[in-house]
Amino acid sequence: MAEILKVLRRWSDEPTSAALMGSMGAEMTDMDERRTEARCRVDQGGLITLDEHTSLECLIHDISPTGIKITLPNAKDVPDTFLLMASYLGEQVYEVVWRTDEMIGAKFA
C-alpha cells in the first residue's frame, strides 16, 4: 500500500498526470462515478498470479489509494482474490469488487 501511495504522489506531481486526470472527465461512466477516491491513469502492464505455474498478463488502467482497474482477455479466469505484480507497484493482493468479460475493478485485500 505504501508503494502505491508513493507512485500516486509522484504521478500527481507530474504535469502529464494532471492532464490525464483532467481529461478523464470526458471518459467517465456510471461505474466510474461511484468511486470514492480519485484515480490516476497508468496504462501499464501487470501480471496476475493464479498459482505457482500459471499467470496472466493484464493492462492496469488506473489506481487509487483503495483499488485498481485492470483489463485482460478473460476476466472470468481470475479468482475473487488474486495477487497482482507490476514493476512500479510491487506485489499486492486484491479482491474483486466488480467484473465484466474483460475488465476487473478490485480493492486492496
C-alpha atoms as a PDB file:
ATOM      1  CA  MET A   1       0.000   0.000   0.000  1.00  0.00           C
ATOM      2  CA  ALA A   2       2.795   2.432   0.858  1.00  0.00           C
ATOM      3  CA  GLU A   3       4.429   1.812  -2.532  1.00  0.00           C
ATOM      4  CA  ILE A   4       1.178   2.586  -4.342  1.00  0.00           C
ATOM      5  CA  LEU A   5       0.733   5.821  -2.401  1.00  0.00           C
ATOM      6  CA  LYS A   6       4.296   6.839  -3.364  1.00  0.00           C
ATOM      7  CA  VAL A   7       3.506   6.152  -7.032  1.00  0.00           C
ATOM      8  CA  LEU A   8       0.267   8.159  -6.805  1.00  0.00           C
ATOM      9  CA  ARG A   9       2.070  11.096  -5.184  1.00  0.00           C
ATOM     10  CA  ARG A  10       4.849  11.012  -7.788  1.00  0.00           C
ATOM     11  CA  TRP A  11       2.378  10.905 -10.682  1.00  0.00           C
ATOM     12  CA  SER A  12       0.182  13.644  -9.216  1.00  0.00           C
ATOM     13  CA  ASP A  13       3.231  15.954  -9.173  1.00  0.00           C
ATOM     14  CA  GLU A  14       3.943  15.367 -12.864  1.00  0.00           C
ATOM     15  CA  PRO A  15       2.289  17.747 -15.371  1.00  0.00           C
ATOM     16  CA  THR A  16       1.281  14.878 -17.662  1.00  0.00           C
ATOM     17  CA  SER A  17      -0.648  13.102 -14.919  1.00  0.00           C
ATOM     18  CA  ALA A  18      -2.627  16.246 -14.115  1.00  0.00           C
ATOM     19  CA  ALA A  19      -3.565  16.497 -17.777  1.00  0.00           C
ATOM     20  CA  LEU A  20      -4.582  12.827 -17.823  1.00  0.00           C
ATOM     21  CA  MET A  21      -6.657  13.179 -14.671  1.00  0.00           C
ATOM     22  CA  GLY A  22      -8.341  16.274 -16.100  1.00  0.00           C
ATOM     23  CA  SER A  23      -9.162  14.536 -19.359  1.00  0.00           C
ATOM     24  CA  MET A  24     -10.758  11.567 -17.587  1.00  0.00           C
ATOM     25  CA  GLY A  25     -13.974  13.535 -17.011  1.00  0.00           C
ATOM     26  CA  ALA A  26     -14.945  13.038 -20.625  1.00  0.00           C
ATOM     27  CA  GLU A  27     -14.448   9.289 -20.252  1.00  0.00           C
ATOM     28  CA  MET A  28     -16.427   8.780 -17.035  1.00  0.00           C
ATOM     29  CA  THR A  29     -19.274   6.257 -16.934  1.00  0.00           C
ATOM     30  CA  ASP A  30     -21.858   5.429 -14.282  1.00  0.00           C
ATOM     31  CA  MET A  31     -19.438   2.795 -12.949  1.00  0.00           C
ATOM     32  CA  ASP A  32     -16.721   5.438 -12.552  1.00  0.00           C
ATOM     33  CA  GLU A  33     -18.994   7.881 -10.749  1.00  0.00           C
ATOM     34  CA  ARG A  34     -19.314   5.523  -7.751  1.00  0.00           C
ATOM     35  CA  ARG A  35     -15.634   5.945  -6.936  1.00  0.00           C
ATOM     36  CA  THR A  36     -14.873   7.391  -3.539  1.00  0.00           C
ATOM     37  CA  GLU A  37     -11.206   8.173  -4.320  1.00  0.00           C
ATOM     38  CA  ALA A  38      -9.562   9.929  -7.257  1.00  0.00           C
ATOM     39  CA  ARG A  39      -7.805   7.533  -9.605  1.00  0.00           C
ATOM     40  CA  CYS A  40      -4.586   8.021 -11.511  1.00  0.00           C
ATOM     41  CA  ARG A  41      -4.428   6.621 -15.041  1.00  0.00           C
ATOM     42  CA  VAL A  42      -1.370   4.423 -15.598  1.00  0.00           C
ATOM     43  CA  ASP A  43      -1.983   2.167 -18.652  1.00  0.00           C
ATOM     44  CA  GLN A  44       0.897  -0.168 -17.760  1.00  0.00           C
ATOM     45  CA  GLY A  45       1.289  -3.936 -17.878  1.00  0.00           C
ATOM     46  CA  GLY A  46       0.938  -6.243 -14.909  1.00  0.00           C
ATOM     47  CA  LEU A  47       0.933  -9.934 -14.105  1.00  0.00           C
ATOM     48  CA  ILE A  48      -1.781 -11.792 -12.164  1.00  0.00           C
ATOM     49  CA  THR A  49      -0.503 -14.935 -10.451  1.00  0.00           C
ATOM     50  CA  LEU A  50      -3.061 -17.755 -10.362  1.00  0.00           C
ATOM     51  CA  ASP A  51      -0.744 -20.408  -8.890  1.00  0.00           C
ATOM     52  CA  GLU A  52       2.961 -21.279  -8.855  1.00  0.00           C
ATOM     53  CA  HIS A  53       2.833 -22.286 -12.534  1.00  0.00           C
ATOM     54  CA  THR A  54       0.188 -20.010 -14.055  1.00  0.00           C
ATOM     55  CA  SER A  55      -0.011 -16.261 -14.508  1.00  0.00           C
ATOM     56  CA  LEU A  56      -1.984 -13.924 -16.754  1.00  0.00           C
ATOM     57  CA  GLU A  57      -0.827 -10.681 -18.349  1.00  0.00           C
ATOM     58  CA  CYS A  58      -3.104  -7.699 -17.851  1.00  0.00           C
ATOM     59  CA  LEU A  59      -3.278  -3.964 -18.501  1.00  0.00           C
ATOM     60  CA  ILE A  60      -3.573  -1.782 -15.402  1.00  0.00           C
ATOM     61  CA  HIS A  61      -5.764   1.170 -16.399  1.00  0.00           C
ATOM     62  CA  ASP A  62      -5.747   3.167 -13.209  1.00  0.00           C
ATOM     63  CA  ILE A  63      -5.048   3.015  -9.492  1.00  0.00           C
ATOM     64  CA  SER A  64      -6.219   4.839  -6.385  1.00  0.00           C
ATOM     65  CA  PRO A  65      -5.406   4.604  -2.693  1.00  0.00           C
ATOM     66  CA  THR A  66      -8.185   1.991  -2.398  1.00  0.00           C
ATOM     67  CA  GLY A  67      -8.151  -0.031  -5.620  1.00  0.00           C
ATOM     68  CA  ILE A  68      -7.318  -0.717  -9.225  1.00  0.00           C
ATOM     69  CA  LYS A  69      -8.961  -1.269 -12.629  1.00  0.00           C
ATOM     70  CA  ILE A  70      -7.464  -3.851 -14.990  1.00  0.00           C
ATOM     71  CA  THR A  71      -8.224  -5.376 -18.392  1.00  0.00           C
ATOM     72  CA  LEU A  72      -7.365  -8.842 -19.646  1.00  0.00           C
ATOM     73  CA  PRO A  73      -8.765 -11.158 -22.344  1.00  0.00           C
ATOM     74  CA  ASN A  74     -10.872 -13.284 -19.983  1.00  0.00           C
ATOM     75  CA  ALA A  75     -11.571 -11.725 -16.589  1.00  0.00           C
ATOM     76  CA  LYS A  76     -13.587 -14.791 -15.556  1.00  0.00           C
ATOM     77  CA  ASP A  77     -10.305 -16.727 -15.230  1.00  0.00           C
ATOM     78  CA  VAL A  78      -9.246 -14.513 -12.298  1.00  0.00           C
ATOM     79  CA  PRO A  79     -10.313 -15.701  -8.824  1.00  0.00           C
ATOM     80  CA  ASP A  80     -12.135 -13.361  -6.426  1.00  0.00           C
ATOM     81  CA  THR A  81      -8.846 -12.811  -4.535  1.00  0.00           C
ATOM     82  CA  PHE A  82      -5.649 -12.549  -6.564  1.00  0.00           C
ATOM     83  CA  LEU A  83      -2.012 -11.434  -6.490  1.00  0.00           C
ATOM     84  CA  LEU A  84      -1.039  -8.693  -8.941  1.00  0.00           C
ATOM     85  CA  MET A  85       2.586  -7.872  -9.723  1.00  0.00           C
ATOM     86  CA  ALA A  86       3.823  -4.767 -11.545  1.00  0.00           C
ATOM     87  CA  SER A  87       7.321  -3.317 -11.687  1.00  0.00           C
ATOM     88  CA  TYR A  88       6.167   0.091 -10.413  1.00  0.00           C
ATOM     89  CA  LEU A  89       3.752  -1.238  -7.748  1.00  0.00           C
ATOM     90  CA  GLY A  90       5.428  -4.375  -6.445  1.00  0.00           C
ATOM     91  CA  GLU A  91       3.181  -7.261  -5.350  1.00  0.00           C
ATOM     92  CA  GLN A  92      -0.252  -6.691  -3.869  1.00  0.00           C
ATOM     93  CA  VAL A  93      -3.270  -8.874  -3.083  1.00  0.00           C
ATOM     94  CA  TYR A  94      -6.631  -7.630  -4.392  1.00  0.00           C
ATOM     95  CA  GLU A  95     -10.287  -8.615  -4.016  1.00  0.00           C
ATOM     96  CA  VAL A  96     -12.633  -8.312  -6.998  1.00  0.00           C
ATOM     97  CA  VAL A  97     -15.393  -5.739  -6.468  1.00  0.00           C
ATOM     98  CA  TRP A  98     -16.897  -5.953  -9.964  1.00  0.00           C
ATOM     99  CA  ARG A  99     -16.051  -7.649 -13.252  1.00  0.00           C
ATOM    100  CA  THR A 100     -17.132  -7.759 -16.873  1.00  0.00           C
ATOM    101  CA  ASP A 101     -15.941 -10.203 -19.535  1.00  0.00           C
ATOM    102  CA  GLU A 102     -12.656  -8.290 -19.957  1.00  0.00           C
ATOM    103  CA  MET A 103     -12.362  -5.864 -17.017  1.00  0.00           C
ATOM    104  CA  ILE A 104     -11.985  -6.078 -13.246  1.00  0.00           C
ATOM    105  CA  GLY A 105     -12.359  -3.445 -10.554  1.00  0.00           C
ATOM    106  CA  ALA A 106     -10.640  -4.574  -7.353  1.00  0.00           C
ATOM    107  CA  LYS A 107      -9.800  -3.274  -3.890  1.00  0.00           C
ATOM    108  CA  PHE A 108      -6.815  -3.998  -1.686  1.00  0.00           C
ATOM    109  CA  ALA A 109      -7.291  -7.203   0.299  1.00  0.00           C
END
